[in-house]
Amino acid sequence: MGFITNSTGSYFNRSLAQMADLRAGIERTRSQIATGRKIERGSDDPAAAAQLRSIARREALAGVEGDNAARLGQDLAAGANEIEAVTALLQRARELALQAANAPLGPDGRQAVAFELEQLGQELFTRANAVSLTGEPLFAGQSSGAAFTRDALGNVTYAGTPESGAVPVAPGTEIFRGLPGSEVFEFNLNGTPTSAFAVLGGLAAALQGGAADPVAAANAAIEGIDAALDTTNRAVTILGTRMAWTEQVEAQQGERMIVLAERRSRVGDTDIADAIARLQQTMTALEASQAAFARVSSLTLFDALR
């Protein structure tokens, strides 16, 4: 095969290498079209691969924060619903206190009012120990146990922590998941700490013979019930504000996810139209190279045979 000169051999080597590169490019482009991914390995484009890893981390974090915001919204809504029910309960208790203070009730009438107040007190205790959809207490702060406990004498005590835990819902943003029961059911009355449980329980006991003047006890209880209503109304306002904030954060989180998805698409997704055009161009170039290689090979062989 001495008829192949050095220049001819060099041409063959370059042509073969060029055709190999073109075939590799065709396979790569076909794979990009089939998978929709522009980058299959980090070595294909290290800078773009680094961007995709950064975007993936941000998307993962945004997903966690989005889940946190969704659960937070559920917890805040559940807490607000319970407090609104407590507000209605206290309003009924106030009606009963007014009745006991102003209507001429006999012993049987006072017993009937006291019985309903006891039922309201039991419902109040149940709602104060309400739990979220995931079984976590709504009003125990950061404690996992019951928010309130009741001793053998019927005295109710707050058993939770003084603050609720904060939930991260966006970069640099945390929102408290609720209110501790001490800020919902307990308050000061004329400078003395008390609670809605104590006010309702005290009035029920007074109407059952625990007070020398049931009418005066009922009048005094009205002030306590009004203070309890002020406390629950304030709590509903706070939770409503946090719910609105959470909804705004969720909307912004959704917009950030769209931006990240668009950026990921620009960096890592295949532009199908562009890829098809490149594929056609590369195939045309390969066909031209193969044809040129065949012509040169034929001429070289012809010269060798003459």
Protein backbone atom coordinates (compact mmCIF):
# COMPACT_ATOMS: atom_id res chain seq x y z
CA MET A 1 0.00 0.00 0.00
CA GLY A 2 2.93 2.28 -0.62
CA PHE A 3 0.91 4.20 -3.20
CA ILE A 4 -0.76 6.19 -0.36
CA THR A 5 1.32 9.31 0.16
CA ASN A 6 1.76 11.04 3.49
CA SER A 7 -0.53 13.89 2.41
CA THR A 8 -3.19 11.44 1.24
CA GLY A 9 -2.98 9.47 4.48
CA SER A 10 -3.28 12.66 6.49
CA TYR A 11 -6.38 13.59 4.48
CA PHE A 12 -7.94 10.18 5.16
CA ASN A 13 -7.26 10.49 8.89
CA ARG A 14 -8.77 13.97 9.07
CA SER A 15 -11.79 12.89 7.06
CA LEU A 16 -12.39 9.83 9.20
CA ALA A 17 -12.09 11.90 12.38
CA GLN A 18 -14.43 14.54 10.97
CA MET A 19 -17.03 11.95 9.99
CA ALA A 20 -16.76 10.34 13.44
CA ASP A 21 -17.39 13.74 15.05
CA LEU A 22 -20.36 14.34 12.77
CA ARG A 23 -21.85 10.92 13.61
CA ALA A 24 -21.36 11.61 17.34
CA GLY A 25 -23.06 14.97 16.90
CA ILE A 26 -25.98 13.34 15.11
CA GLU A 27 -26.42 10.78 17.88
CA ARG A 28 -26.19 13.49 20.53
CA THR A 29 -28.77 15.65 18.78
CA ARG A 30 -31.11 12.69 18.28
CA SER A 31 -30.82 11.90 21.97
CA GLN A 32 -31.56 15.54 22.88
CA ILE A 33 -34.68 15.43 20.71
CA ALA A 34 -35.81 12.09 22.16
CA THR A 35 -35.23 12.98 25.84
CA GLY A 36 -35.93 16.71 25.69
CA ARG A 37 -32.71 17.31 27.65
CA LYS A 38 -30.00 19.48 26.23
CA ILE A 39 -27.37 18.23 28.70
CA GLU A 40 -26.97 14.51 29.36
CA ARG A 41 -23.66 14.69 31.23
CA GLY A 42 -22.06 17.50 33.18
CA SER A 43 -19.06 17.33 30.87
CA ASP A 44 -21.26 18.34 27.93
CA ASP A 45 -21.52 21.88 29.33
CA PRO A 46 -20.03 22.28 32.86
CA ALA A 47 -21.30 25.85 33.30
CA ALA A 48 -24.87 24.97 32.30
CA ALA A 49 -24.75 21.82 34.44
CA ALA A 50 -23.75 23.93 37.46
CA GLN A 51 -26.68 26.27 36.78
CA LEU A 52 -29.06 23.31 36.59
CA ARG A 53 -27.81 21.97 39.93
CA SER A 54 -28.33 25.39 41.52
CA ILE A 55 -31.84 25.62 40.07
CA ALA A 56 -32.64 22.10 41.30
CA ARG A 57 -31.57 23.05 44.85
CA ARG A 58 -33.73 26.16 44.75
CA GLU A 59 -36.69 24.21 43.41
CA ALA A 60 -36.31 21.59 46.16
CA LEU A 61 -36.17 24.30 48.84
CA ALA A 62 -39.11 26.12 47.27
CA GLY A 63 -41.06 22.85 47.28
CA VAL A 64 -40.45 22.38 51.01
CA GLU A 65 -41.38 25.99 51.74
CA GLY A 66 -44.50 25.63 49.60
CA ASP A 67 -45.55 22.54 51.57
CA ASN A 68 -44.88 24.41 54.81
CA ALA A 69 -47.05 27.32 53.68
CA ALA A 70 -49.89 25.00 52.67
CA ARG A 71 -49.86 23.21 56.05
CA LEU A 72 -49.51 26.52 57.86
CA GLY A 73 -52.56 27.88 56.05
CA GLN A 74 -54.53 24.80 57.10
CA ASP A 75 -53.45 25.16 60.74
CA LEU A 76 -54.23 28.87 60.85
CA ALA A 77 -57.65 28.30 59.30
CA ALA A 78 -58.40 25.48 61.73
CA GLY A 79 -57.38 27.65 64.69
CA ALA A 80 -59.47 30.57 63.46
CA ASN A 81 -62.50 28.31 62.99
CA GLU A 82 -62.17 26.97 66.53
CA ILE A 83 -61.86 30.46 68.00
CA GLU A 84 -64.86 31.69 66.04
CA ALA A 85 -66.84 28.78 67.50
CA VAL A 86 -65.57 29.75 70.96
CA THR A 87 -66.72 33.33 70.33
CA ALA A 88 -70.23 32.10 69.53
CA LEU A 89 -70.11 29.96 72.67
CA LEU A 90 -69.12 32.94 74.82
CA GLN A 91 -71.87 35.05 73.27
CA ARG A 92 -74.38 32.40 74.33
CA ALA A 93 -72.84 32.39 77.81
CA ARG A 94 -73.30 36.16 77.95
CA GLU A 95 -76.97 35.79 77.04
CA LEU A 96 -77.37 33.32 79.90
CA ALA A 97 -75.54 35.64 82.31
CA LEU A 98 -77.85 38.52 81.31
CA GLN A 99 -80.82 36.26 81.84
CA ALA A 100 -79.59 35.29 85.29
CA ALA A 101 -78.87 38.93 86.15
CA ASN A 102 -82.13 40.47 84.95
CA ALA A 103 -84.86 37.82 84.84
CA PRO A 104 -86.65 36.71 88.03
CA LEU A 105 -85.35 33.13 88.07
CA GLY A 106 -86.24 30.68 90.76
CA PRO A 107 -84.02 27.81 91.91
CA ASP A 108 -85.09 25.60 88.99
CA GLY A 109 -84.41 28.36 86.47
CA ARG A 110 -80.96 29.02 87.94
CA GLN A 111 -80.21 25.29 87.86
CA ALA A 112 -81.18 25.15 84.16
CA VAL A 113 -78.92 28.10 83.32
CA ALA A 114 -76.10 26.58 85.37
CA PHE A 115 -76.48 23.27 83.55
CA GLU A 116 -76.19 24.95 80.14
CA LEU A 117 -73.19 26.94 81.34
CA GLU A 118 -71.52 23.68 82.39
CA GLN A 119 -72.15 22.26 78.93
CA LEU A 120 -70.68 25.37 77.38
CA GLY A 121 -67.66 25.05 79.68
CA GLN A 122 -67.14 21.46 78.53
CA GLU A 123 -67.33 22.49 74.88
CA LEU A 124 -64.92 25.34 75.59
CA PHE A 125 -62.44 22.86 77.07
CA THR A 126 -62.80 20.54 74.06
CA ARG A 127 -62.24 23.33 71.55
CA ALA A 128 -59.27 24.66 73.51
CA ASN A 129 -57.68 21.21 73.06
CA ALA A 130 -58.53 20.96 69.35
CA VAL A 131 -55.91 19.48 67.01
CA SER A 132 -54.89 20.13 63.41
CA LEU A 133 -55.45 17.79 60.46
CA THR A 134 -52.11 16.19 61.29
CA GLY A 135 -53.05 15.65 64.94
CA GLU A 136 -50.99 18.48 66.43
CA PRO A 137 -52.60 20.63 69.16
CA LEU A 138 -53.65 24.01 67.81
CA PHE A 139 -53.28 26.00 71.01
CA ALA A 140 -50.42 24.31 72.91
CA GLY A 141 -47.67 26.47 71.45
CA GLN A 142 -44.67 24.26 70.70
CA SER A 143 -45.83 21.48 73.01
CA SER A 144 -47.06 18.21 71.54
CA GLY A 145 -49.38 17.50 74.45
CA ALA A 146 -52.82 18.83 75.33
CA ALA A 147 -53.05 22.60 75.58
CA PHE A 148 -55.17 22.56 78.75
CA THR A 149 -55.59 20.11 81.61
CA ARG A 150 -58.33 19.81 84.22
CA ASP A 151 -57.81 18.64 87.79
CA ALA A 152 -60.20 16.69 90.01
CA LEU A 153 -61.82 19.91 91.23
CA GLY A 154 -62.51 21.06 87.69
CA ASN A 155 -59.83 23.74 87.62
CA VAL A 156 -58.41 24.23 84.11
CA THR A 157 -54.71 25.02 83.62
CA TYR A 158 -52.71 25.89 80.53
CA ALA A 159 -50.08 23.18 79.88
CA GLY A 160 -48.51 24.46 76.65
CA THR A 161 -45.62 26.78 75.91
CA PRO A 162 -45.90 30.59 75.88
CA GLU A 163 -45.08 30.85 72.17
CA SER A 164 -46.04 29.02 68.98
CA GLY A 165 -43.36 27.75 66.63
CA ALA A 166 -42.48 29.74 63.51
CA VAL A 167 -42.63 28.03 60.11
CA PRO A 168 -40.23 28.95 57.24
CA VAL A 169 -42.40 29.65 54.19
CA ALA A 170 -40.06 31.65 51.93
CA PRO A 171 -36.44 32.82 51.85
CA GLY A 172 -36.00 34.89 55.00
CA THR A 173 -39.69 34.62 55.95
CA GLU A 174 -41.18 32.73 58.90
CA ILE A 175 -44.76 32.87 60.17
CA PHE A 176 -46.02 31.65 63.54
CA ARG A 177 -48.29 28.64 63.11
CA GLY A 178 -50.91 29.82 65.58
CA LEU A 179 -51.47 31.32 69.00
CA PRO A 180 -50.75 29.71 72.37
CA GLY A 181 -53.87 29.02 74.39
CA SER A 182 -52.71 31.45 77.07
CA GLU A 183 -53.30 34.27 74.56
CA VAL A 184 -56.72 32.97 73.49
CA PHE A 185 -58.47 31.74 76.64
CA GLU A 186 -56.66 33.59 79.43
CA PHE A 187 -56.69 37.31 80.24
CA ASN A 188 -56.52 39.86 83.06
CA LEU A 189 -59.72 41.10 84.67
CA ASN A 190 -59.23 44.26 86.72
CA GLY A 191 -55.57 43.36 87.09
CA THR A 192 -56.21 39.75 88.12
CA PRO A 193 -55.28 36.82 85.86
CA THR A 194 -58.25 34.63 84.98
CA SER A 195 -59.64 32.61 82.10
CA ALA A 196 -62.83 31.94 80.17
CA PHE A 197 -63.00 28.56 81.94
CA ALA A 198 -62.91 30.21 85.36
CA VAL A 199 -65.56 32.79 84.43
CA LEU A 200 -68.05 30.23 83.10
CA GLY A 201 -67.30 27.72 85.84
CA GLY A 202 -67.61 30.38 88.54
CA LEU A 203 -70.98 31.58 87.27
CA ALA A 204 -72.33 28.02 87.03
CA ALA A 205 -71.25 27.36 90.62
CA ALA A 206 -72.75 30.65 91.82
CA LEU A 207 -76.12 29.84 90.25
CA GLN A 208 -76.09 26.40 91.91
CA GLY A 209 -75.93 27.95 95.35
CA GLY A 210 -72.28 28.86 95.57
CA ALA A 211 -72.99 32.59 95.98
CA ALA A 212 -75.19 34.43 98.44
CA ASP A 213 -76.31 36.81 95.69
CA PRO A 214 -76.63 34.98 92.32
CA VAL A 215 -77.77 38.15 90.55
CA ALA A 216 -74.64 40.04 91.61
CA ALA A 217 -72.53 37.04 90.56
CA ALA A 218 -74.17 37.06 87.12
CA ASN A 219 -73.54 40.79 86.70
CA ALA A 220 -69.89 40.28 87.63
CA ALA A 221 -69.60 37.36 85.19
CA ILE A 222 -70.79 39.56 82.30
CA GLU A 223 -67.67 41.71 82.67
CA GLY A 224 -65.50 38.60 82.60
CA ILE A 225 -67.28 37.21 79.54
CA ASP A 226 -66.84 40.54 77.74
CA ALA A 227 -63.11 40.40 78.49
CA ALA A 228 -63.00 36.84 77.15
CA LEU A 229 -64.79 37.98 73.98
CA ASP A 230 -62.30 40.81 73.51
CA THR A 231 -59.48 38.27 73.78
CA THR A 232 -60.96 35.86 71.25
CA ASN A 233 -61.81 38.66 68.81
CA ARG A 234 -58.21 39.85 69.00
CA ALA A 235 -57.00 36.27 68.41
CA VAL A 236 -59.19 35.88 65.31
CA THR A 237 -57.81 39.15 63.93
CA ILE A 238 -54.22 38.01 64.45
CA LEU A 239 -54.82 34.63 62.81
CA GLY A 240 -56.68 36.28 59.94
CA THR A 241 -53.72 38.58 59.32
CA ARG A 242 -51.34 35.61 59.30
CA MET A 243 -53.62 33.69 56.95
CA ALA A 244 -53.63 36.61 54.50
CA TRP A 245 -49.84 36.83 54.76
CA THR A 246 -49.53 33.10 54.14
CA GLU A 247 -51.75 33.32 51.06
CA GLN A 248 -49.61 36.14 49.70
CA VAL A 249 -46.45 34.12 50.32
CA GLU A 250 -47.98 31.10 48.55
CA ALA A 251 -48.83 33.25 45.53
CA GLN A 252 -45.29 34.63 45.43
CA GLN A 253 -43.90 31.12 45.87
CA GLY A 254 -45.90 29.97 42.87
CA GLU A 255 -44.46 32.82 40.81
CA ARG A 256 -40.92 31.91 41.90
CA MET A 257 -41.50 28.29 40.91
CA ILE A 258 -42.62 29.43 37.45
CA VAL A 259 -39.51 31.60 37.07
CA LEU A 260 -37.25 28.72 38.15
CA ALA A 261 -38.99 26.32 35.78
CA GLU A 262 -38.58 28.77 32.90
CA ARG A 263 -34.91 29.24 33.72
CA ARG A 264 -34.35 25.49 33.98
CA SER A 265 -36.03 25.07 30.60
CA ARG A 266 -33.84 27.71 29.00
CA VAL A 267 -30.67 26.17 30.39
CA GLY A 268 -31.38 22.47 30.17
CA ASP A 269 -34.28 21.73 27.82
CA THR A 270 -33.87 20.99 24.14
CA ASP A 271 -35.12 23.53 21.63
CA ILE A 272 -36.74 20.95 19.37
CA ALA A 273 -36.97 23.17 16.28
CA ASP A 274 -33.34 24.25 16.63
CA ALA A 275 -32.23 20.66 17.29
CA ILE A 276 -34.02 19.36 14.19
CA ALA A 277 -32.41 22.08 12.08
CA ARG A 278 -28.96 21.23 13.50
CA LEU A 279 -29.61 17.52 12.91
CA GLN A 280 -30.48 18.15 9.27
CA GLN A 281 -27.40 20.34 8.80
CA THR A 282 -25.13 17.77 10.44
CA MET A 283 -26.56 14.92 8.38
CA THR A 284 -26.06 16.98 5.22
CA ALA A 285 -22.48 17.69 6.24
CA LEU A 286 -21.89 13.99 6.95
CA GLU A 287 -23.30 12.98 3.57
CA ALA A 288 -21.06 15.55 1.87
CA SER A 289 -18.02 14.32 3.78
CA GLN A 290 -18.78 10.71 2.94
CA ALA A 291 -19.22 11.56 -0.74
CA ALA A 292 -15.96 13.53 -0.81
CA PHE A 293 -14.16 10.73 1.00
CA ALA A 294 -15.50 8.18 -1.49
CA ARG A 295 -14.38 10.28 -4.48
CA VAL A 296 -10.88 10.77 -3.10
CA SER A 297 -10.62 7.10 -2.21
CA SER A 298 -11.69 6.12 -5.76
CA LEU A 299 -9.19 8.48 -7.38
CA THR A 300 -6.38 7.28 -5.17
CA LEU A 301 -7.16 3.67 -5.97
CA PHE A 302 -7.42 4.49 -9.72
CA ASP A 303 -4.02 6.18 -9.69
CA ALA A 304 -2.56 3.19 -7.92
CA LEU A 305 -3.92 0.78 -10.55
CA ARG A 306 -2.79 2.71 -13.63
